[in-house]
Structures are given as structure tokens and as C-alpha cells.
Amino acid sequence: MPFRTITAAVGAAAGALVLLVAVPGSASAATGQFRYSYTTAEGYEAVGFLNNPDSGTCINLTPPGSAPGSASRAPKNRTDATATVFLDSDCEGDVYYTLRPGAGASDRLLLRSVVFS
């Protein structure tokens, strides 16, 4: 193989590698904040939040200091992604509700986990 052909092949491979490194991957997080209310173990009302939560990953909402076994409530989806909230942990069960970006729900909507799409 002539030297010029080898040089051209190495140059093309190096250029392809630079393009692969320079092109950013797809976004893997929702941009914005997801808020929810909960009751502390002492009986106080509190607000929890997730900033720029991961997309496609189930997030269990167990706020620090929350009453054991209690559900969070009143979610507000201030992200740019759709949030699906579940009454059960681990994003399981038949009881779920979908919140579009910018939407919120009343105190009657209980949740223990959420996933963003």
C-alpha cells in the first residue's frame, strides 16, 4: 500500500474520531424543577424538589424526615419533560398519573415515585 494512501486513511480515521468526541450526546435529563409536598415525621408541611432529574430513570420520593410510609402529594412539574407519577414505589402499580411540562396537581394526588420521559 502506498505511503500516500496510508496517510490519507490515518487522516480520515483521526477526523472521524474528532467528530465523535466533539458531538455531544443526547440529553439525559429533564431541564427544570419537579416539586412535591410531604409531611415530616413531626407533622410539619414541607416541600421537596428534584432539579434537572434524570430521564428514563425511576426516582423514589422518600424525602428526608418524612413520616415513614407516607406518600408525597401535590406534584408540580416545572420541567421540560413529561412526568409520570406513581402511587407505589419503584414506578410500579396500576395507579399513576401523567403531568405534562409545566402542569401541577392538587393535594389529592398522592405519589411515591416518578419517571421523566
C-alpha atoms as a PDB file:
ATOM      1  CA  MET A   1       0.000   0.000   0.000  1.00  0.00           C
ATOM      2  CA  PRO A   2       1.492   3.359  -0.998  1.00  0.00           C
ATOM      3  CA  PHE A   3       2.512   5.768   1.760  1.00  0.00           C
ATOM      4  CA  ARG A   4       0.103   8.439   0.467  1.00  0.00           C
ATOM      5  CA  THR A   5      -2.891   6.043   0.810  1.00  0.00           C
ATOM      6  CA  ILE A   6      -1.893   5.108   4.364  1.00  0.00           C
ATOM      7  CA  THR A   7      -1.555   8.777   5.309  1.00  0.00           C
ATOM      8  CA  ALA A   8      -4.981   9.580   3.846  1.00  0.00           C
ATOM      9  CA  ALA A   9      -6.576   6.630   5.710  1.00  0.00           C
ATOM     10  CA  VAL A  10      -4.993   7.646   9.026  1.00  0.00           C
ATOM     11  CA  GLY A  11      -6.091  11.247   8.469  1.00  0.00           C
ATOM     12  CA  ALA A  12      -9.679  10.189   7.732  1.00  0.00           C
ATOM     13  CA  ALA A  13      -9.779   7.977  10.825  1.00  0.00           C
ATOM     14  CA  ALA A  14      -8.431  10.779  13.005  1.00  0.00           C
ATOM     15  CA  GLY A  15     -11.016  13.188  11.586  1.00  0.00           C
ATOM     16  CA  ALA A  16     -13.826  10.730  12.326  1.00  0.00           C
ATOM     17  CA  LEU A  17     -12.570  10.316  15.889  1.00  0.00           C
ATOM     18  CA  VAL A  18     -12.547  14.098  16.408  1.00  0.00           C
ATOM     19  CA  LEU A  19     -16.154  14.292  15.208  1.00  0.00           C
ATOM     20  CA  LEU A  20     -17.242  11.524  17.585  1.00  0.00           C
ATOM     21  CA  VAL A  21     -15.627  13.241  20.547  1.00  0.00           C
ATOM     22  CA  ALA A  22     -16.860  16.728  19.615  1.00  0.00           C
ATOM     23  CA  VAL A  23     -20.534  15.869  19.071  1.00  0.00           C
ATOM     24  CA  PRO A  24     -22.387  15.949  22.388  1.00  0.00           C
ATOM     25  CA  GLY A  25     -24.598  13.025  23.360  1.00  0.00           C
ATOM     26  CA  SER A  26     -28.337  13.305  23.650  1.00  0.00           C
ATOM     27  CA  ALA A  27     -29.707  14.995  26.755  1.00  0.00           C
ATOM     28  CA  SER A  28     -30.346  12.554  29.557  1.00  0.00           C
ATOM     29  CA  ALA A  29     -32.030  14.881  31.995  1.00  0.00           C
ATOM     30  CA  ALA A  30     -35.199  16.898  32.153  1.00  0.00           C
ATOM     31  CA  THR A  31     -34.421  20.594  32.471  1.00  0.00           C
ATOM     32  CA  GLY A  32     -36.145  22.384  35.310  1.00  0.00           C
ATOM     33  CA  GLN A  33     -37.551  21.522  38.702  1.00  0.00           C
ATOM     34  CA  PHE A  34     -40.102  18.978  39.922  1.00  0.00           C
ATOM     35  CA  ARG A  35     -41.759  19.908  43.247  1.00  0.00           C
ATOM     36  CA  TYR A  36     -43.946  17.979  45.668  1.00  0.00           C
ATOM     37  CA  SER A  37     -45.293  18.380  49.205  1.00  0.00           C
ATOM     38  CA  TYR A  38     -44.952  15.971  52.103  1.00  0.00           C
ATOM     39  CA  THR A  39     -45.475  15.765  55.856  1.00  0.00           C
ATOM     40  CA  THR A  40     -42.462  15.401  58.127  1.00  0.00           C
ATOM     41  CA  ALA A  41     -42.301  12.825  60.910  1.00  0.00           C
ATOM     42  CA  GLU A  42     -43.019  15.708  63.315  1.00  0.00           C
ATOM     43  CA  GLY A  43     -46.192  16.626  61.399  1.00  0.00           C
ATOM     44  CA  TYR A  44     -44.893  19.731  59.615  1.00  0.00           C
ATOM     45  CA  GLU A  45     -45.657  20.519  55.981  1.00  0.00           C
ATOM     46  CA  ALA A  46     -42.587  20.576  53.742  1.00  0.00           C
ATOM     47  CA  VAL A  47     -41.692  20.870  50.063  1.00  0.00           C
ATOM     48  CA  GLY A  48     -39.290  18.563  48.252  1.00  0.00           C
ATOM     49  CA  PHE A  49     -37.822  19.105  44.811  1.00  0.00           C
ATOM     50  CA  LEU A  50     -35.743  17.482  42.106  1.00  0.00           C
ATOM     51  CA  ASN A  51     -33.537  19.724  39.969  1.00  0.00           C
ATOM     52  CA  ASN A  52     -32.853  18.570  36.404  1.00  0.00           C
ATOM     53  CA  PRO A  53     -33.902  14.969  37.134  1.00  0.00           C
ATOM     54  CA  ASP A  54     -32.628  12.093  35.002  1.00  0.00           C
ATOM     55  CA  SER A  55     -34.917  10.975  32.184  1.00  0.00           C
ATOM     56  CA  GLY A  56     -35.981   7.353  31.915  1.00  0.00           C
ATOM     57  CA  THR A  57     -34.947   6.532  35.481  1.00  0.00           C
ATOM     58  CA  CYS A  58     -37.463   5.826  38.228  1.00  0.00           C
ATOM     59  CA  ILE A  59     -36.965   8.112  41.224  1.00  0.00           C
ATOM     60  CA  ASN A  60     -38.445   7.100  44.581  1.00  0.00           C
ATOM     61  CA  LEU A  61     -39.557  10.113  46.596  1.00  0.00           C
ATOM     62  CA  THR A  62     -38.523   9.483  50.170  1.00  0.00           C
ATOM     63  CA  PRO A  63     -37.879  12.967  51.486  1.00  0.00           C
ATOM     64  CA  PRO A  64     -35.531  13.253  54.467  1.00  0.00           C
ATOM     65  CA  GLY A  65     -37.517  13.464  57.690  1.00  0.00           C
ATOM     66  CA  SER A  66     -40.789  12.360  56.109  1.00  0.00           C
ATOM     67  CA  ALA A  67     -43.219  10.227  58.059  1.00  0.00           C
ATOM     68  CA  PRO A  68     -42.341   6.552  57.407  1.00  0.00           C
ATOM     69  CA  GLY A  69     -44.603   5.002  54.777  1.00  0.00           C
ATOM     70  CA  SER A  70     -46.300   8.278  53.918  1.00  0.00           C
ATOM     71  CA  ALA A  71     -46.917   9.384  50.366  1.00  0.00           C
ATOM     72  CA  SER A  72     -45.931  12.727  48.915  1.00  0.00           C
ATOM     73  CA  ARG A  73     -48.624  14.853  47.257  1.00  0.00           C
ATOM     74  CA  ALA A  74     -49.392  17.847  45.037  1.00  0.00           C
ATOM     75  CA  PRO A  75     -46.697  17.386  42.375  1.00  0.00           C
ATOM     76  CA  LYS A  76     -45.746  20.325  40.170  1.00  0.00           C
ATOM     77  CA  ASN A  77     -43.846  19.518  37.006  1.00  0.00           C
ATOM     78  CA  ARG A  78     -41.775  22.606  36.184  1.00  0.00           C
ATOM     79  CA  THR A  79     -39.503  20.648  33.833  1.00  0.00           C
ATOM     80  CA  ASP A  80     -39.470  20.443  30.037  1.00  0.00           C
ATOM     81  CA  ALA A  81     -40.318  16.707  30.117  1.00  0.00           C
ATOM     82  CA  THR A  82     -43.450  14.704  30.819  1.00  0.00           C
ATOM     83  CA  ALA A  83     -43.534  13.295  34.364  1.00  0.00           C
ATOM     84  CA  THR A  84     -45.420  10.124  35.205  1.00  0.00           C
ATOM     85  CA  VAL A  85     -46.068   9.839  38.946  1.00  0.00           C
ATOM     86  CA  PHE A  86     -46.933   6.573  40.666  1.00  0.00           C
ATOM     87  CA  LEU A  87     -48.693   5.890  43.945  1.00  0.00           C
ATOM     88  CA  ASP A  88     -46.356   2.919  44.518  1.00  0.00           C
ATOM     89  CA  SER A  89     -42.576   2.971  44.878  1.00  0.00           C
ATOM     90  CA  ASP A  90     -40.287   1.886  42.047  1.00  0.00           C
ATOM     91  CA  CYS A  91     -42.707   3.282  39.411  1.00  0.00           C
ATOM     92  CA  GLU A  92     -44.854   0.188  39.711  1.00  0.00           C
ATOM     93  CA  GLY A  93     -48.557  -0.433  40.055  1.00  0.00           C
ATOM     94  CA  ASP A  94     -51.738   0.443  38.227  1.00  0.00           C
ATOM     95  CA  VAL A  95     -52.225   3.823  39.924  1.00  0.00           C
ATOM     96  CA  TYR A  96     -50.322   6.533  38.058  1.00  0.00           C
ATOM     97  CA  TYR A  97     -50.885   9.982  36.586  1.00  0.00           C
ATOM     98  CA  THR A  98     -49.090  11.830  33.795  1.00  0.00           C
ATOM     99  CA  LEU A  99     -48.159  15.507  34.157  1.00  0.00           C
ATOM    100  CA  ARG A 100     -47.188  17.436  31.042  1.00  0.00           C
ATOM    101  CA  PRO A 101     -44.392  20.014  31.281  1.00  0.00           C
ATOM    102  CA  GLY A 102     -45.475  22.991  33.385  1.00  0.00           C
ATOM    103  CA  ALA A 103     -48.510  21.223  34.902  1.00  0.00           C
ATOM    104  CA  GLY A 104     -49.371  20.695  38.544  1.00  0.00           C
ATOM    105  CA  ALA A 105     -51.886  18.664  40.530  1.00  0.00           C
ATOM    106  CA  SER A 106     -53.871  19.129  43.726  1.00  0.00           C
ATOM    107  CA  ASP A 107     -53.105  17.849  47.216  1.00  0.00           C
ATOM    108  CA  ARG A 108     -55.344  14.878  46.488  1.00  0.00           C
ATOM    109  CA  LEU A 109     -52.823  13.360  44.066  1.00  0.00           C
ATOM    110  CA  LEU A 110     -50.551  11.084  46.094  1.00  0.00           C
ATOM    111  CA  LEU A 111     -47.226   9.768  44.816  1.00  0.00           C
ATOM    112  CA  ARG A 112     -44.218   7.750  45.925  1.00  0.00           C
ATOM    113  CA  SER A 113     -42.195   7.655  42.695  1.00  0.00           C
ATOM    114  CA  VAL A 114     -41.774   9.471  39.389  1.00  0.00           C
ATOM    115  CA  VAL A 115     -40.185   8.904  35.982  1.00  0.00           C
ATOM    116  CA  PHE A 116     -39.497  11.553  33.314  1.00  0.00           C
ATOM    117  CA  SER A 117     -39.681  10.959  29.571  1.00  0.00           C
END
